[in-house]
């Protein structure tokens, strides 16, 4: 029963993050990613990911394409 509640809560969080990503994409025109960061879902623009990679906020050798593959949801 507890696992069911956790699954429902995580599904609700995912749907909310996807809605936010689509809304931001329509508003800004940028490609948006839904990523898991520190155990939480976060919506990040591709341009922001590029700057994070350039400033080495990810491990050395990580590319934007690698992050895009691991994203849970990507807007068009």
PDB file of N, CA and C in Angstrom:
ATOM      1  N   UNK A   1       0.812  -1.193   0.000  1.00  0.00           N
ATOM      2  CA  UNK A   1       0.000   0.000   0.000  1.00  0.00           C
ATOM      3  C   UNK A   1       0.864   1.269   0.000  1.00  0.00           C
ATOM      4  N   UNK A   2       1.937   1.217   0.779  1.00  0.00           N
ATOM      5  CA  UNK A   2       2.833   2.369   0.838  1.00  0.00           C
ATOM      6  C   UNK A   2       3.498   2.582  -0.519  1.00  0.00           C
ATOM      7  N   UNK A   3       3.879   1.476  -1.156  1.00  0.00           N
ATOM      8  CA  UNK A   3       4.518   1.589  -2.478  1.00  0.00           C
ATOM      9  C   UNK A   3       3.567   2.180  -3.506  1.00  0.00           C
ATOM     10  N   UNK A   4       2.294   1.838  -3.413  1.00  0.00           N
ATOM     11  CA  UNK A   4       1.290   2.400  -4.317  1.00  0.00           C
ATOM     12  C   UNK A   4       1.191   3.915  -4.153  1.00  0.00           C
ATOM     13  N   UNK A   5       1.194   4.368  -2.912  1.00  0.00           N
ATOM     14  CA  UNK A   5       1.125   5.806  -2.647  1.00  0.00           C
ATOM     15  C   UNK A   5       2.364   6.510  -3.197  1.00  0.00           C
ATOM     16  N   UNK A   6       3.529   5.912  -3.002  1.00  0.00           N
ATOM     17  CA  UNK A   6       4.764   6.503  -3.529  1.00  0.00           C
ATOM     18  C   UNK A   6       4.744   6.573  -5.050  1.00  0.00           C
ATOM     19  N   UNK A   7       4.262   5.514  -5.690  1.00  0.00           N
ATOM     20  CA  UNK A   7       4.183   5.491  -7.151  1.00  0.00           C
ATOM     21  C   UNK A   7       3.223   6.566  -7.677  1.00  0.00           C
ATOM     22  N   UNK A   8       2.081   6.705  -7.025  1.00  0.00           N
ATOM     23  CA  UNK A   8       1.115   7.729  -7.426  1.00  0.00           C
ATOM     24  C   UNK A   8       1.691   9.132  -7.246  1.00  0.00           C
ATOM     25  N   UNK A   9       2.393   9.344  -6.149  1.00  0.00           N
ATOM     26  CA  UNK A   9       3.002  10.647  -5.891  1.00  0.00           C
ATOM     27  C   UNK A   9       4.074  10.968  -6.935  1.00  0.00           C
ATOM     28  N   UNK A  10       4.918   9.981  -7.265  1.00  0.00           N
ATOM     29  CA  UNK A  10       5.962  10.199  -8.270  1.00  0.00           C
ATOM     30  C   UNK A  10       5.362  10.437  -9.653  1.00  0.00           C
ATOM     31  N   UNK A  11       4.272   9.743  -9.976  1.00  0.00           N
ATOM     32  CA  UNK A  11       3.606   9.959 -11.259  1.00  0.00           C
ATOM     33  C   UNK A  11       3.026  11.367 -11.320  1.00  0.00           C
ATOM     34  N   UNK A  12       2.470  11.835 -10.218  1.00  0.00           N
ATOM     35  CA  UNK A  12       1.927  13.194 -10.150  1.00  0.00           C
ATOM     36  C   UNK A  12       3.039  14.223 -10.336  1.00  0.00           C
ATOM     37  N   UNK A  13       4.192  14.012  -9.690  1.00  0.00           N
ATOM     38  CA  UNK A  13       5.329  14.929  -9.831  1.00  0.00           C
ATOM     39  C   UNK A  13       5.843  14.950 -11.268  1.00  0.00           C
ATOM     40  N   UNK A  14       5.879  13.777 -11.907  1.00  0.00           N
ATOM     41  CA  UNK A  14       6.351  13.695 -13.290  1.00  0.00           C
ATOM     42  C   UNK A  14       5.410  14.458 -14.228  1.00  0.00           C
ATOM     43  N   UNK A  15       4.108  14.236 -14.074  1.00  0.00           N
ATOM     44  CA  UNK A  15       3.144  14.929 -14.934  1.00  0.00           C
ATOM     45  C   UNK A  15       3.220  16.440 -14.748  1.00  0.00           C
ATOM     46  N   UNK A  16       3.421  16.883 -13.523  1.00  0.00           N
ATOM     47  CA  UNK A  16       3.549  18.311 -13.248  1.00  0.00           C
ATOM     48  C   UNK A  16       4.801  18.892 -13.898  1.00  0.00           C
ATOM     49  N   UNK A  17       5.904  18.151 -13.837  1.00  0.00           N
ATOM     50  CA  UNK A  17       7.156  18.617 -14.440  1.00  0.00           C
ATOM     51  C   UNK A  17       7.020  18.683 -15.962  1.00  0.00           C
ATOM     52  N   UNK A  18       6.334  17.716 -16.559  1.00  0.00           N
ATOM     53  CA  UNK A  18       6.139  17.716 -18.014  1.00  0.00           C
ATOM     54  C   UNK A  18       5.274  18.912 -18.416  1.00  0.00           C
ATOM     55  N   UNK A  19       4.219  19.183 -17.661  1.00  0.00           N
ATOM     56  CA  UNK A  19       3.367  20.345 -17.956  1.00  0.00           C
ATOM     57  C   UNK A  19       4.173  21.637 -17.881  1.00  0.00           C
ATOM     58  N   UNK A  20       5.018  21.746 -16.859  1.00  0.00           N
ATOM     59  CA  UNK A  20       5.847  22.941 -16.708  1.00  0.00           C
ATOM     60  C   UNK A  20       6.822  23.080 -17.872  1.00  0.00           C
ATOM     61  N   UNK A  21       7.416  21.961 -18.309  1.00  0.00           N
ATOM     62  CA  UNK A  21       8.363  21.989 -19.421  1.00  0.00           C
ATOM     63  C   UNK A  21       7.683  22.438 -20.709  1.00  0.00           C
ATOM     64  N   UNK A  22       6.501  21.923 -20.978  1.00  0.00           N
ATOM     65  CA  UNK A  22       5.768  22.297 -22.185  1.00  0.00           C
ATOM     66  C   UNK A  22       5.370  23.767 -22.123  1.00  0.00           C
ATOM     67  N   UNK A  23       4.937  24.217 -20.956  1.00  0.00           N
ATOM     68  CA  UNK A  23       4.550  25.617 -20.789  1.00  0.00           C
ATOM     69  C   UNK A  23       5.747  26.547 -21.023  1.00  0.00           C
ATOM     70  N   UNK A  24       6.899  26.206 -20.450  1.00  0.00           N
ATOM     71  CA  UNK A  24       8.093  27.025 -20.632  1.00  0.00           C
ATOM     72  C   UNK A  24       8.577  27.004 -22.079  1.00  0.00           C
ATOM     73  N   UNK A  25       8.433  25.865 -22.742  1.00  0.00           N
ATOM     74  CA  UNK A  25       8.860  25.767 -24.136  1.00  0.00           C
ATOM     75  C   UNK A  25       8.001  26.669 -25.015  1.00  0.00           C
ATOM     76  N   UNK A  26       6.706  26.689 -24.768  1.00  0.00           N
ATOM     77  CA  UNK A  26       5.824  27.548 -25.550  1.00  0.00           C
ATOM     78  C   UNK A  26       6.104  29.026 -25.264  1.00  0.00           C
ATOM     79  N   UNK A  27       6.438  29.323 -24.020  1.00  0.00           N
ATOM     80  CA  UNK A  27       6.684  30.698 -23.615  1.00  0.00           C
ATOM     81  C   UNK A  27       8.013  31.236 -24.151  1.00  0.00           C
ATOM     82  N   UNK A  28       9.081  30.428 -24.037  1.00  0.00           N
ATOM     83  CA  UNK A  28      10.420  30.896 -24.400  1.00  0.00           C
ATOM     84  C   UNK A  28      10.887  30.425 -25.768  1.00  0.00           C
ATOM     85  N   UNK A  29      10.340  29.305 -26.248  1.00  0.00           N
ATOM     86  CA  UNK A  29      10.784  28.754 -27.521  1.00  0.00           C
ATOM     87  C   UNK A  29      12.036  27.898 -27.406  1.00  0.00           C
ATOM     88  N   UNK A  30      12.519  27.670 -26.197  1.00  0.00           N
ATOM     89  CA  UNK A  30      13.723  26.859 -25.982  1.00  0.00           C
ATOM     90  C   UNK A  30      13.346  25.405 -25.713  1.00  0.00           C
ATOM     91  N   UNK A  31      14.268  24.522 -26.028  1.00  0.00           N
ATOM     92  CA  UNK A  31      14.082  23.106 -25.736  1.00  0.00           C
ATOM     93  C   UNK A  31      14.254  22.906 -24.232  1.00  0.00           C
ATOM     94  N   UNK A  32      13.335  22.174 -23.613  1.00  0.00           N
ATOM     95  CA  UNK A  32      13.353  21.958 -22.171  1.00  0.00           C
ATOM     96  C   UNK A  32      13.550  20.479 -21.868  1.00  0.00           C
ATOM     97  N   UNK A  33      14.288  20.191 -20.797  1.00  0.00           N
ATOM     98  CA  UNK A  33      14.521  18.827 -20.335  1.00  0.00           C
ATOM     99  C   UNK A  33      13.919  18.656 -18.947  1.00  0.00           C
ATOM    100  N   UNK A  34      13.376  17.467 -18.680  1.00  0.00           N
ATOM    101  CA  UNK A  34      12.986  17.091 -17.324  1.00  0.00           C
ATOM    102  C   UNK A  34      14.040  16.105 -16.849  1.00  0.00           C
ATOM    103  N   UNK A  35      14.802  16.512 -15.820  1.00  0.00           N
ATOM    104  CA  UNK A  35      15.904  15.707 -15.303  1.00  0.00           C
ATOM    105  C   UNK A  35      15.685  15.385 -13.832  1.00  0.00           C
ATOM    106  N   UNK A  36      16.335  14.316 -13.372  1.00  0.00           N
ATOM    107  CA  UNK A  36      16.355  14.003 -11.948  1.00  0.00           C
ATOM    108  C   UNK A  36      17.649  14.585 -11.388  1.00  0.00           C
ATOM    109  N   UNK A  37      17.505  15.568 -10.493  1.00  0.00           N
ATOM    110  CA  UNK A  37      18.658  16.217  -9.879  1.00  0.00           C
ATOM    111  C   UNK A  37      18.502  16.097  -8.368  1.00  0.00           C
ATOM    112  N   UNK A  38      19.440  15.421  -7.740  1.00  0.00           N
ATOM    113  CA  UNK A  38      19.399  15.195  -6.282  1.00  0.00           C
ATOM    114  C   UNK A  38      18.089  14.552  -5.841  1.00  0.00           C
ATOM    115  N   UNK A  39      17.583  13.628  -6.633  1.00  0.00           N
ATOM    116  CA  UNK A  39      16.366  12.911  -6.280  1.00  0.00           C
ATOM    117  C   UNK A  39      15.074  13.652  -6.558  1.00  0.00           C
ATOM    118  N   UNK A  40      15.167  14.834  -7.158  1.00  0.00           N
ATOM    119  CA  UNK A  40      13.967  15.606  -7.470  1.00  0.00           C
ATOM    120  C   UNK A  40      13.915  15.885  -8.963  1.00  0.00           C
ATOM    121  N   UNK A  41      12.714  16.066  -9.478  1.00  0.00           N
ATOM    122  CA  UNK A  41      12.552  16.389 -10.890  1.00  0.00           C
ATOM    123  C   UNK A  41      12.762  17.879 -11.090  1.00  0.00           C
ATOM    124  N   UNK A  42      13.548  18.221 -12.108  1.00  0.00           N
ATOM    125  CA  UNK A  42      13.849  19.617 -12.380  1.00  0.00           C
ATOM    126  C   UNK A  42      13.712  19.863 -13.866  1.00  0.00           C
ATOM    127  N   UNK A  43      13.148  21.007 -14.230  1.00  0.00           N
ATOM    128  CA  UNK A  43      12.994  21.399 -15.626  1.00  0.00           C
ATOM    129  C   UNK A  43      14.119  22.387 -15.942  1.00  0.00           C
ATOM    130  N   UNK A  44      14.916  22.040 -16.975  1.00  0.00           N
ATOM    131  CA  UNK A  44      16.076  22.854 -17.332  1.00  0.00           C
ATOM    132  C   UNK A  44      16.077  23.070 -18.837  1.00  0.00           C
ATOM    133  N   UNK A  45      16.414  24.289 -19.270  1.00  0.00           N
ATOM    134  CA  UNK A  45      16.516  24.598 -20.694  1.00  0.00           C
ATOM    135  C   UNK A  45      17.839  24.069 -21.242  1.00  0.00           C
ATOM    136  N   UNK A  46      17.852  23.749 -22.536  1.00  0.00           N
ATOM    137  CA  UNK A  46      19.055  23.223 -23.164  1.00  0.00           C
ATOM    138  C   UNK A  46      20.191  24.243 -23.122  1.00  0.00           C
ATOM    139  N   UNK A  47      19.861  25.514 -23.272  1.00  0.00           N
ATOM    140  CA  UNK A  47      20.890  26.556 -23.222  1.00  0.00           C
ATOM    141  C   UNK A  47      21.555  26.585 -21.845  1.00  0.00           C
ATOM    142  N   UNK A  48      20.773  26.408 -20.792  1.00  0.00           N
ATOM    143  CA  UNK A  48      21.334  26.372 -19.443  1.00  0.00           C
ATOM    144  C   UNK A  48      22.216  25.141 -19.238  1.00  0.00           C
ATOM    145  N   UNK A  49      21.826  24.019 -19.839  1.00  0.00           N
ATOM    146  CA  UNK A  49      22.635  22.808 -19.765  1.00  0.00           C
ATOM    147  C   UNK A  49      23.994  23.056 -20.429  1.00  0.00           C
ATOM    148  N   UNK A  50      23.971  23.739 -21.579  1.00  0.00           N
ATOM    149  CA  UNK A  50      25.226  24.044 -22.266  1.00  0.00           C
ATOM    150  C   UNK A  50      26.164  24.855 -21.395  1.00  0.00           C
ATOM    151  N   UNK A  51      25.628  25.860 -20.713  1.00  0.00           N
ATOM    152  CA  UNK A  51      26.485  26.679 -19.848  1.00  0.00           C
ATOM    153  C   UNK A  51      26.992  25.877 -18.658  1.00  0.00           C
ATOM    154  N   UNK A  52      26.168  24.967 -18.126  1.00  0.00           N
ATOM    155  CA  UNK A  52      26.604  24.113 -17.017  1.00  0.00           C
ATOM    156  C   UNK A  52      27.743  23.195 -17.448  1.00  0.00           C
ATOM    157  N   UNK A  53      27.640  22.640 -18.647  1.00  0.00           N
ATOM    158  CA  UNK A  53      28.691  21.770 -19.166  1.00  0.00           C
ATOM    159  C   UNK A  53      29.967  22.583 -19.396  1.00  0.00           C
ATOM    160  N   UNK A  54      29.826  23.788 -19.922  1.00  0.00           N
ATOM    161  CA  UNK A  54      30.985  24.631 -20.200  1.00  0.00           C
ATOM    162  C   UNK A  54      31.703  25.057 -18.921  1.00  0.00           C
ATOM    163  N   UNK A  55      30.956  25.247 -17.837  1.00  0.00           N
ATOM    164  CA  UNK A  55      31.570  25.654 -16.573  1.00  0.00           C
ATOM    165  C   UNK A  55      31.909  24.470 -15.681  1.00  0.00           C
ATOM    166  N   UNK A  56      31.877  23.269 -16.234  1.00  0.00           N
ATOM    167  CA  UNK A  56      32.267  22.023 -15.552  1.00  0.00           C
ATOM    168  C   UNK A  56      31.441  21.729 -14.302  1.00  0.00           C
ATOM    169  N   UNK A  57      30.146  21.970 -14.373  1.00  0.00           N
ATOM    170  CA  UNK A  57      29.283  21.592 -13.260  1.00  0.00           C
ATOM    171  C   UNK A  57      28.928  20.113 -13.325  1.00  0.00           C
ATOM    172  N   UNK A  58      29.253  19.482 -14.446  1.00  0.00           N
ATOM    173  CA  UNK A  58      29.135  18.039 -14.591  1.00  0.00           C
ATOM    174  C   UNK A  58      30.547  17.474 -14.684  1.00  0.00           C
ATOM    175  N   UNK A  59      30.667  16.161 -14.618  1.00  0.00           N
ATOM    176  CA  UNK A  59      31.982  15.536 -14.716  1.00  0.00           C
ATOM    177  C   UNK A  59      32.629  15.849 -16.057  1.00  0.00           C
ATOM    178  N   UNK A  60      33.944  15.818 -16.064  1.00  0.00           N
ATOM    179  CA  UNK A  60      34.679  16.089 -17.290  1.00  0.00           C
ATOM    180  C   UNK A  60      34.328  15.028 -18.331  1.00  0.00           C
ATOM    181  N   UNK A  61      34.067  15.478 -19.544  1.00  0.00           N
ATOM    182  CA  UNK A  61      33.743  14.561 -20.627  1.00  0.00           C
ATOM    183  C   UNK A  61      32.256  14.396 -20.884  1.00  0.00           C
ATOM    184  N   UNK A  62      31.411  14.921 -20.007  1.00  0.00           N
ATOM    185  CA  UNK A  62      29.959  14.835 -20.202  1.00  0.00           C
ATOM    186  C   UNK A  62      29.554  15.866 -21.247  1.00  0.00           C
ATOM    187  N   UNK A  63      28.737  15.437 -22.187  1.00  0.00           N
ATOM    188  CA  UNK A  63      28.269  16.321 -23.250  1.00  0.00           C
ATOM    189  C   UNK A  63      26.772  16.542 -23.110  1.00  0.00           C
ATOM    190  N   UNK A  64      26.282  17.528 -23.823  1.00  0.00           N
ATOM    191  CA  UNK A  64      24.850  17.833 -23.783  1.00  0.00           C
ATOM    192  C   UNK A  64      24.050  16.644 -24.310  1.00  0.00           C
ATOM    193  N   UNK A  65      24.591  15.950 -25.299  1.00  0.00           N
ATOM    194  CA  UNK A  65      23.900  14.787 -25.869  1.00  0.00           C
ATOM    195  C   UNK A  65      23.735  13.687 -24.830  1.00  0.00           C
ATOM    196  N   UNK A  66      24.734  13.514 -23.954  1.00  0.00           N
ATOM    197  CA  UNK A  66      24.639  12.498 -22.904  1.00  0.00           C
ATOM    198  C   UNK A  66      23.511  12.829 -21.929  1.00  0.00           C
ATOM    199  N   UNK A  67      23.405  14.090 -21.590  1.00  0.00           N
ATOM    200  CA  UNK A  67      22.349  14.520 -20.673  1.00  0.00           C
ATOM    201  C   UNK A  67      20.993  14.392 -21.347  1.00  0.00           C
ATOM    202  N   UNK A  68      20.939  14.694 -22.636  1.00  0.00           N
ATOM    203  CA  UNK A  68      19.673  14.583 -23.367  1.00  0.00           C
ATOM    204  C   UNK A  68      19.192  13.132 -23.418  1.00  0.00           C
ATOM    205  N   UNK A  69      20.118  12.189 -23.522  1.00  0.00           N
ATOM    206  CA  UNK A  69      19.741  10.774 -23.535  1.00  0.00           C
ATOM    207  C   UNK A  69      19.176  10.335 -22.192  1.00  0.00           C
ATOM    208  N   UNK A  70      19.688  10.902 -21.103  1.00  0.00           N
ATOM    209  CA  UNK A  70      19.252  10.509 -19.761  1.00  0.00           C
ATOM    210  C   UNK A  70      18.026  11.267 -19.278  1.00  0.00           C
ATOM    211  N   UNK A  71      17.607  12.273 -20.016  1.00  0.00           N
ATOM    212  CA  UNK A  71      16.443  13.071 -19.620  1.00  0.00           C
ATOM    213  C   UNK A  71      15.178  12.213 -19.654  1.00  0.00           C
ATOM    214  N   UNK A  72      14.287  12.459 -18.723  1.00  0.00           N
ATOM    215  CA  UNK A  72      13.025  11.731 -18.684  1.00  0.00           C
ATOM    216  C   UNK A  72      12.066  12.215 -19.748  1.00  0.00           C
ATOM    217  N   UNK A  73      12.129  13.512 -20.068  1.00  0.00           N
ATOM    218  CA  UNK A  73      11.247  14.100 -21.051  1.00  0.00           C
ATOM    219  C   UNK A  73      11.981  15.242 -21.737  1.00  0.00           C
ATOM    220  N   UNK A  74      11.813  15.348 -23.051  1.00  0.00           N
ATOM    221  CA  UNK A  74      12.433  16.414 -23.834  1.00  0.00           C
ATOM    222  C   UNK A  74      11.360  17.045 -24.710  1.00  0.00           C
ATOM    223  N   UNK A  75      11.238  18.375 -24.647  1.00  0.00           N
ATOM    224  CA  UNK A  75      10.281  19.055 -25.520  1.00  0.00           C
ATOM    225  C   UNK A  75      10.880  19.206 -26.908  1.00  0.00           C
ATOM    226  N   UNK A  76      10.051  19.543 -27.867  1.00  0.00           N
ATOM    227  CA  UNK A  76      10.522  19.684 -29.235  1.00  0.00           C
ATOM    228  C   UNK A  76      10.922  21.087 -29.551  1.00  0.00           C
TER     229      UNK A  76
END
